[in-house]
C-alpha atoms as a PDB file:
ATOM      1  CA  MET A   1     -35.987 110.726  91.193  1.00  0.00           C
ATOM      2  CA  SER A   2     -34.471 109.263  88.221  1.00  0.00           C
ATOM      3  CA  PHE A   3     -30.663 110.109  87.998  1.00  0.00           C
ATOM      4  CA  SER A   4     -30.429 108.950  84.616  1.00  0.00           C
ATOM      5  CA  ALA A   5     -31.194 112.319  83.770  1.00  0.00           C
ATOM      6  CA  LEU A   6     -28.290 113.700  85.342  1.00  0.00           C
ATOM      7  CA  GLN A   7     -25.905 111.232  83.523  1.00  0.00           C
ATOM      8  CA  PRO A   8     -23.230 112.317  80.890  1.00  0.00           C
ATOM      9  CA  PRO A   9     -23.894 111.138  77.493  1.00  0.00           C
ATOM     10  CA  GLY A  10     -22.024 107.553  76.505  1.00  0.00           C
ATOM     11  CA  SER A  11     -21.252 106.896  80.319  1.00  0.00           C
ATOM     12  CA  SER A  12     -22.678 105.005  82.914  1.00  0.00           C
ATOM     13  CA  LEU A  13     -23.664 106.757  86.080  1.00  0.00           C
ATOM     14  CA  PHE A  14     -23.408 103.761  88.443  1.00  0.00           C
ATOM     15  CA  ALA A  15     -20.880 100.790  88.061  1.00  0.00           C
ATOM     16  CA  GLN A  16     -23.003  97.469  87.224  1.00  0.00           C
ATOM     17  CA  SER A  17     -22.585  94.428  89.916  1.00  0.00           C
ATOM     18  CA  PRO A  18     -24.845  91.681  90.426  1.00  0.00           C
ATOM     19  CA  ALA A  19     -25.000  92.834  93.903  1.00  0.00           C
ATOM     20  CA  ALA A  20     -27.902  95.076  95.153  1.00  0.00           C
ATOM     21  CA  PRO A  21     -26.363  98.132  95.764  1.00  0.00           C
ATOM     22  CA  ILE A  22     -27.111 101.287  98.023  1.00  0.00           C
ATOM     23  CA  TYR A  23     -25.325 104.774  98.212  1.00  0.00           C
ATOM     24  CA  LEU A  24     -24.474 106.458 101.231  1.00  0.00           C
ATOM     25  CA  THR A  25     -23.924 109.717 101.199  1.00  0.00           C
ATOM     26  CA  PHE A  26     -22.826 112.389 104.235  1.00  0.00           C
ATOM     27  CA  ASP A  27     -23.205 116.152 103.801  1.00  0.00           C
ATOM     28  CA  ASP A  28     -21.803 119.236 105.397  1.00  0.00           C
ATOM     29  CA  GLY A  29     -18.282 117.839 106.812  1.00  0.00           C
ATOM     30  CA  PRO A  30     -15.924 117.171 107.851  1.00  0.00           C
ATOM     31  CA  ASP A  31     -16.858 117.973 111.455  1.00  0.00           C
ATOM     32  CA  PRO A  32     -13.680 117.240 114.044  1.00  0.00           C
ATOM     33  CA  GLN A  33     -16.155 115.291 116.476  1.00  0.00           C
ATOM     34  CA  TRP A  34     -18.457 113.568 114.292  1.00  0.00           C
ATOM     35  CA  THR A  35     -16.636 112.774 110.820  1.00  0.00           C
ATOM     36  CA  PRO A  36     -14.119 110.517 112.868  1.00  0.00           C
ATOM     37  CA  ARG A  37     -16.944 108.624 114.922  1.00  0.00           C
ATOM     38  CA  ILE A  38     -18.698 108.070 111.291  1.00  0.00           C
ATOM     39  CA  LEU A  39     -15.802 106.797 109.504  1.00  0.00           C
ATOM     40  CA  ASP A  40     -14.887 104.642 112.580  1.00  0.00           C
ATOM     41  CA  LEU A  41     -18.880 102.962 112.241  1.00  0.00           C
ATOM     42  CA  LEU A  42     -18.272 102.605 108.224  1.00  0.00           C
ATOM     43  CA  ALA A  43     -14.795 100.940 108.750  1.00  0.00           C
ATOM     44  CA  SER A  44     -15.995  98.400 111.472  1.00  0.00           C
ATOM     45  CA  SER A  45     -18.991  97.325 109.087  1.00  0.00           C
ATOM     46  CA  GLY A  46     -16.664  97.467 105.869  1.00  0.00           C
ATOM     47  CA  ALA A  47     -18.909 100.031 104.241  1.00  0.00           C
ATOM     48  CA  HIS A  48     -18.119 102.743 102.048  1.00  0.00           C
ATOM     49  CA  ALA A  49     -19.617 105.959 101.359  1.00  0.00           C
ATOM     50  CA  THR A  50     -19.628 109.430  99.332  1.00  0.00           C
ATOM     51  CA  PHE A  51     -18.706 112.604 101.654  1.00  0.00           C
ATOM     52  CA  PHE A  52     -19.936 115.767 100.498  1.00  0.00           C
ATOM     53  CA  VAL A  53     -17.618 118.391 101.803  1.00  0.00           C
ATOM     54  CA  ILE A  54     -17.619 121.984 102.421  1.00  0.00           C
ATOM     55  CA  GLY A  55     -14.668 123.283 100.676  1.00  0.00           C
ATOM     56  CA  ALA A  56     -13.952 125.740 103.778  1.00  0.00           C
ATOM     57  CA  ALA A  57     -14.222 122.831 106.406  1.00  0.00           C
ATOM     58  CA  ALA A  58     -11.897 120.946 104.159  1.00  0.00           C
ATOM     59  CA  ARG A  59      -9.466 123.393 104.273  1.00  0.00           C
ATOM     60  CA  ARG A  60      -9.595 123.373 108.354  1.00  0.00           C
ATOM     61  CA  GLU A  61      -9.708 119.518 108.387  1.00  0.00           C
ATOM     62  CA  PRO A  62      -7.961 118.145 105.441  1.00  0.00           C
ATOM     63  CA  ALA A  63      -6.334 115.194 107.398  1.00  0.00           C
ATOM     64  CA  LEU A  64     -10.150 114.225 107.903  1.00  0.00           C
ATOM     65  CA  VAL A  65     -10.891 114.315 104.026  1.00  0.00           C
ATOM     66  CA  ARG A  66      -7.417 112.389 103.697  1.00  0.00           C
ATOM     67  CA  ARG A  67      -8.249 109.729 105.849  1.00  0.00           C
ATOM     68  CA  ALA A  68     -12.000 109.327 104.058  1.00  0.00           C
ATOM     69  CA  VAL A  69     -10.163 108.702 100.823  1.00  0.00           C
ATOM     70  CA  SER A  70      -7.428 106.573 102.147  1.00  0.00           C
ATOM     71  CA  GLU A  71     -10.099 104.245 103.570  1.00  0.00           C
ATOM     72  CA  GLY A  72     -11.956 103.938 100.168  1.00  0.00           C
ATOM     73  CA  HIS A  73     -14.828 106.436 100.349  1.00  0.00           C
ATOM     74  CA  SER A  74     -15.172 109.157  97.521  1.00  0.00           C
ATOM     75  CA  ILE A  75     -15.305 113.263  98.185  1.00  0.00           C
ATOM     76  CA  GLY A  76     -18.052 115.264  96.432  1.00  0.00           C
ATOM     77  CA  ASN A  77     -18.194 119.059  96.304  1.00  0.00           C
ATOM     78  CA  HIS A  78     -20.754 120.729  98.404  1.00  0.00           C
ATOM     79  CA  SER A  79     -19.756 124.325  97.849  1.00  0.00           C
ATOM     80  CA  LEU A  80     -17.048 126.725  99.533  1.00  0.00           C
ATOM     81  CA  SER A  81     -19.291 127.735 102.364  1.00  0.00           C
ATOM     82  CA  HIS A  82     -22.822 126.130 102.056  1.00  0.00           C
ATOM     83  CA  ARG A  83     -24.409 129.256 101.452  1.00  0.00           C
ATOM     84  CA  HIS A  84     -28.172 129.123 100.587  1.00  0.00           C
ATOM     85  CA  PRO A  85     -28.128 129.010  96.802  1.00  0.00           C
ATOM     86  CA  TRP A  86     -30.985 131.482  96.561  1.00  0.00           C
ATOM     87  CA  THR A  87     -29.496 134.143  98.581  1.00  0.00           C
ATOM     88  CA  MET A  88     -26.651 134.913  96.040  1.00  0.00           C
ATOM     89  CA  THR A  89     -26.102 136.557  92.730  1.00  0.00           C
ATOM     90  CA  SER A  90     -25.404 134.331  89.720  1.00  0.00           C
ATOM     91  CA  ARG A  91     -21.542 135.393  90.035  1.00  0.00           C
ATOM     92  CA  ALA A  92     -21.149 134.355  93.851  1.00  0.00           C
ATOM     93  CA  ALA A  93     -22.970 131.222  93.305  1.00  0.00           C
ATOM     94  CA  ARG A  94     -20.643 129.992  90.708  1.00  0.00           C
ATOM     95  CA  GLN A  95     -17.697 131.048  92.901  1.00  0.00           C
ATOM     96  CA  GLU A  96     -18.875 128.926  95.620  1.00  0.00           C
ATOM     97  CA  VAL A  97     -18.952 125.799  93.286  1.00  0.00           C
ATOM     98  CA  LEU A  98     -15.871 126.855  91.829  1.00  0.00           C
ATOM     99  CA  ALA A  99     -14.041 127.575  95.149  1.00  0.00           C
ATOM    100  CA  GLY A 100     -15.392 124.355  96.732  1.00  0.00           C
ATOM    101  CA  ALA A 101     -14.053 122.349  93.874  1.00  0.00           C
ATOM    102  CA  ALA A 102     -10.650 124.230  94.089  1.00  0.00           C
ATOM    103  CA  ALA A 103     -10.519 123.355  97.987  1.00  0.00           C
ATOM    104  CA  ILE A 104     -11.007 119.544  97.412  1.00  0.00           C
ATOM    105  CA  GLU A 105      -8.229 119.384  94.690  1.00  0.00           C
ATOM    106  CA  ASP A 106      -6.433 121.161  96.893  1.00  0.00           C
ATOM    107  CA  VAL A 107      -6.672 118.743  99.667  1.00  0.00           C
ATOM    108  CA  ILE A 108      -6.765 115.350  98.067  1.00  0.00           C
ATOM    109  CA  GLY A 109      -4.687 116.086  94.654  1.00  0.00           C
ATOM    110  CA  THR A 110      -7.413 115.332  92.430  1.00  0.00           C
ATOM    111  CA  GLY A 111     -10.932 116.767  91.682  1.00  0.00           C
ATOM    112  CA  ALA A 112     -14.517 115.715  92.763  1.00  0.00           C
ATOM    113  CA  GLN A 113     -16.585 113.914  90.426  1.00  0.00           C
ATOM    114  CA  TRP A 114     -19.757 114.659  91.912  1.00  0.00           C
ATOM    115  CA  TYR A 115     -21.528 117.634  92.842  1.00  0.00           C
ATOM    116  CA  ARG A 116     -24.363 118.264  95.538  1.00  0.00           C
ATOM    117  CA  ALA A 117     -25.695 121.851  95.822  1.00  0.00           C
ATOM    118  CA  PRO A 118     -26.180 123.443  99.452  1.00  0.00           C
ATOM    119  CA  HIS A 119     -29.874 122.658 101.053  1.00  0.00           C
ATOM    120  CA  GLY A 120     -30.727 120.879  97.927  1.00  0.00           C
ATOM    121  CA  ARG A 121     -31.716 123.941  96.224  1.00  0.00           C
ATOM    122  CA  ASN A 122     -29.660 124.106  92.387  1.00  0.00           C
ATOM    123  CA  ARG A 123     -29.482 126.844  90.333  1.00  0.00           C
ATOM    124  CA  ALA A 124     -28.422 126.434  86.467  1.00  0.00           C
ATOM    125  CA  CYS A 125     -25.568 128.816  87.103  1.00  0.00           C
ATOM    126  CA  MET A 126     -24.606 126.675  89.770  1.00  0.00           C
ATOM    127  CA  THR A 127     -24.872 123.551  87.635  1.00  0.00           C
ATOM    128  CA  ALA A 128     -22.865 125.278  84.742  1.00  0.00           C
ATOM    129  CA  ALA A 129     -19.901 125.731  87.285  1.00  0.00           C
ATOM    130  CA  ALA A 130     -19.937 121.965  88.665  1.00  0.00           C
ATOM    131  CA  HIS A 131     -20.042 121.078  84.671  1.00  0.00           C
ATOM    132  CA  GLU A 132     -17.171 123.152  84.021  1.00  0.00           C
ATOM    133  CA  CYS A 133     -15.364 121.283  86.964  1.00  0.00           C
ATOM    134  CA  GLY A 134     -16.045 118.001  85.310  1.00  0.00           C
ATOM    135  CA  GLN A 135     -18.527 117.290  88.072  1.00  0.00           C
ATOM    136  CA  THR A 136     -21.698 115.385  87.690  1.00  0.00           C
ATOM    137  CA  VAL A 137     -24.902 116.964  89.667  1.00  0.00           C
ATOM    138  CA  ILE A 138     -26.737 114.503  92.156  1.00  0.00           C
ATOM    139  CA  ASP A 139     -29.172 114.771  94.712  1.00  0.00           C
ATOM    140  CA  TRP A 140     -30.741 111.962  96.604  1.00  0.00           C
ATOM    141  CA  ASP A 141     -34.081 109.850  96.802  1.00  0.00           C
ATOM    142  CA  LEU A 142     -33.942 108.925 100.535  1.00  0.00           C
ATOM    143  CA  SER A 143     -33.228 111.697 103.351  1.00  0.00           C
ATOM    144  CA  ALA A 144     -32.858 110.511 106.951  1.00  0.00           C
ATOM    145  CA  VAL A 145     -34.318 113.836 108.071  1.00  0.00           C
ATOM    146  CA  ASP A 146     -31.373 113.684 110.636  1.00  0.00           C
ATOM    147  CA  TRP A 147     -31.603 117.475 111.322  1.00  0.00           C
ATOM    148  CA  GLY A 148     -33.944 120.061 113.199  1.00  0.00           C
ATOM    149  CA  PRO A 149     -36.675 118.720 115.244  1.00  0.00           C
ATOM    150  CA  LEU A 150     -37.309 115.700 113.149  1.00  0.00           C
ATOM    151  CA  GLY A 151     -33.896 114.480 113.662  1.00  0.00           C
ATOM    152  CA  LYS A 152     -34.634 112.201 116.453  1.00  0.00           C
ATOM    153  CA  ALA A 153     -32.728 108.839 116.763  1.00  0.00           C
ATOM    154  CA  GLU A 154     -36.036 106.813 116.872  1.00  0.00           C
ATOM    155  CA  ARG A 155     -37.528 108.618 113.599  1.00  0.00           C
ATOM    156  CA  ILE A 156     -33.841 108.333 111.830  1.00  0.00           C
ATOM    157  CA  ARG A 157     -34.020 104.896 112.412  1.00  0.00           C
ATOM    158  CA  GLU A 158     -37.572 104.339 110.347  1.00  0.00           C
ATOM    159  CA  ARG A 159     -36.398 106.317 107.489  1.00  0.00           C
ATOM    160  CA  LEU A 160     -33.108 104.490 107.008  1.00  0.00           C
ATOM    161  CA  GLN A 161     -35.306 101.085 107.311  1.00  0.00           C
ATOM    162  CA  ARG A 162     -37.211 102.455 104.086  1.00  0.00           C
ATOM    163  CA  VAL A 163     -33.940 102.181 101.934  1.00  0.00           C
ATOM    164  CA  GLN A 164     -34.315  99.838  99.016  1.00  0.00           C
ATOM    165  CA  ALA A 165     -31.551  98.773  96.600  1.00  0.00           C
ATOM    166  CA  GLY A 166     -30.589 101.499  94.012  1.00  0.00           C
ATOM    167  CA  ASN A 167     -31.068 104.275  96.469  1.00  0.00           C
ATOM    168  CA  VAL A 168     -28.812 107.544  96.962  1.00  0.00           C
ATOM    169  CA  LEU A 169     -29.357 108.090 101.046  1.00  0.00           C
ATOM    170  CA  LEU A 170     -29.024 111.712 102.660  1.00  0.00           C
ATOM    171  CA  MET A 171     -27.060 111.659 105.541  1.00  0.00           C
ATOM    172  CA  HIS A 172     -24.954 114.347 107.621  1.00  0.00           C
ATOM    173  CA  ASP A 173     -21.326 114.238 109.275  1.00  0.00           C
ATOM    174  CA  GLY A 174     -21.404 117.802 109.879  1.00  0.00           C
ATOM    175  CA  ARG A 175     -23.276 119.288 112.725  1.00  0.00           C
ATOM    176  CA  ASN A 176     -23.609 122.835 110.518  1.00  0.00           C
ATOM    177  CA  ARG A 177     -25.932 124.424 113.317  1.00  0.00           C
ATOM    178  CA  HIS A 178     -29.120 122.113 112.775  1.00  0.00           C
ATOM    179  CA  ASN A 179     -27.734 118.779 111.782  1.00  0.00           C
ATOM    180  CA  ARG A 180     -27.907 115.783 114.142  1.00  0.00           C
ATOM    181  CA  PRO A 181     -25.096 113.455 113.897  1.00  0.00           C
ATOM    182  CA  ASP A 182     -25.301 112.863 117.455  1.00  0.00           C
ATOM    183  CA  GLU A 183     -28.689 111.272 117.037  1.00  0.00           C
ATOM    184  CA  LEU A 184     -27.619 109.662 113.481  1.00  0.00           C
ATOM    185  CA  VAL A 185     -24.592 107.744 114.918  1.00  0.00           C
ATOM    186  CA  LYS A 186     -27.016 106.200 117.563  1.00  0.00           C
ATOM    187  CA  VAL A 187     -28.783 104.094 114.893  1.00  0.00           C
ATOM    188  CA  LEU A 188     -26.293 103.960 112.525  1.00  0.00           C
ATOM    189  CA  PRO A 189     -24.247 100.836 113.603  1.00  0.00           C
ATOM    190  CA  GLN A 190     -27.599  98.667 113.959  1.00  0.00           C
ATOM    191  CA  PHE A 191     -28.138 100.115 110.257  1.00  0.00           C
ATOM    192  CA  LEU A 192     -25.027  98.952 108.535  1.00  0.00           C
ATOM    193  CA  ASP A 193     -25.090  95.575 110.162  1.00  0.00           C
ATOM    194  CA  ALA A 194     -28.467  94.545 108.635  1.00  0.00           C
ATOM    195  CA  LEU A 195     -27.402  95.806 105.024  1.00  0.00           C
ATOM    196  CA  THR A 196     -26.058  92.515 104.736  1.00  0.00           C
ATOM    197  CA  SER A 197     -28.970  90.225 105.942  1.00  0.00           C
ATOM    198  CA  ARG A 198     -31.008  92.361 103.494  1.00  0.00           C
ATOM    199  CA  ASP A 199     -28.975  91.516 100.730  1.00  0.00           C
ATOM    200  CA  LEU A 200     -27.713  95.298 100.217  1.00  0.00           C
ATOM    201  CA  GLN A 201     -24.294  96.429  99.648  1.00  0.00           C
ATOM    202  CA  SER A 202     -23.040 100.224 100.610  1.00  0.00           C
ATOM    203  CA  ARG A 203     -20.843 101.834  97.872  1.00  0.00           C
ATOM    204  CA  ILE A 204     -19.279 105.064  96.547  1.00  0.00           C
ATOM    205  CA  LEU A 205     -20.919 106.546  93.987  1.00  0.00           C
ATOM    206  CA  GLY A 206     -20.003 105.565  90.766  1.00  0.00           C
ATOM    207  CA  GLY A 207     -17.991 102.873  91.743  1.00  0.00           C
ATOM    208  CA  ARG A 208     -18.103  99.097  92.946  1.00  0.00           C
ATOM    209  CA  ALA A 209     -16.056  99.762  96.752  1.00  0.00           C
END
């Protein structure tokens, strides 16, 4: 997927740098068990990521969201409750985006720059709501598939090895019923350690960190 189509006119979606960037993203947190583990792993490798948080979870675990920001990560809006967009009225779908944005601003004191639809299923009304909040809609172009029956450590490892410069990589720090952060953390350290040897550097979306 080309993300240039999602770029606001006259702006640069990703900051330019001589290094070969990849963009690690984690969805469905913050999770009191798994988000701290993943933050620890990122810190030990000097890696940075963007966390697409569920607004209700951010309100329950505000310290984790603030910790992520304090350690150089960025926060994105992943709606208020992660309801499937296709199961709601347009009014309810818009409210999910707006309330998720408000929750993030309440927790960290500033608005999120990015919005990602729950389940990757966007709707025009949700995109419009995100734009009203000043957020750019972004998906991913490589998934770890760290969920459900396919979310086994060895399979996740194989998918992570496919990452290439410029990829936006989808992973999950929130358990949220079907996700498998317990399997992801088994292979994430090796993946992060290997980035340097591949001349890749993880960065937050839109930044040089």
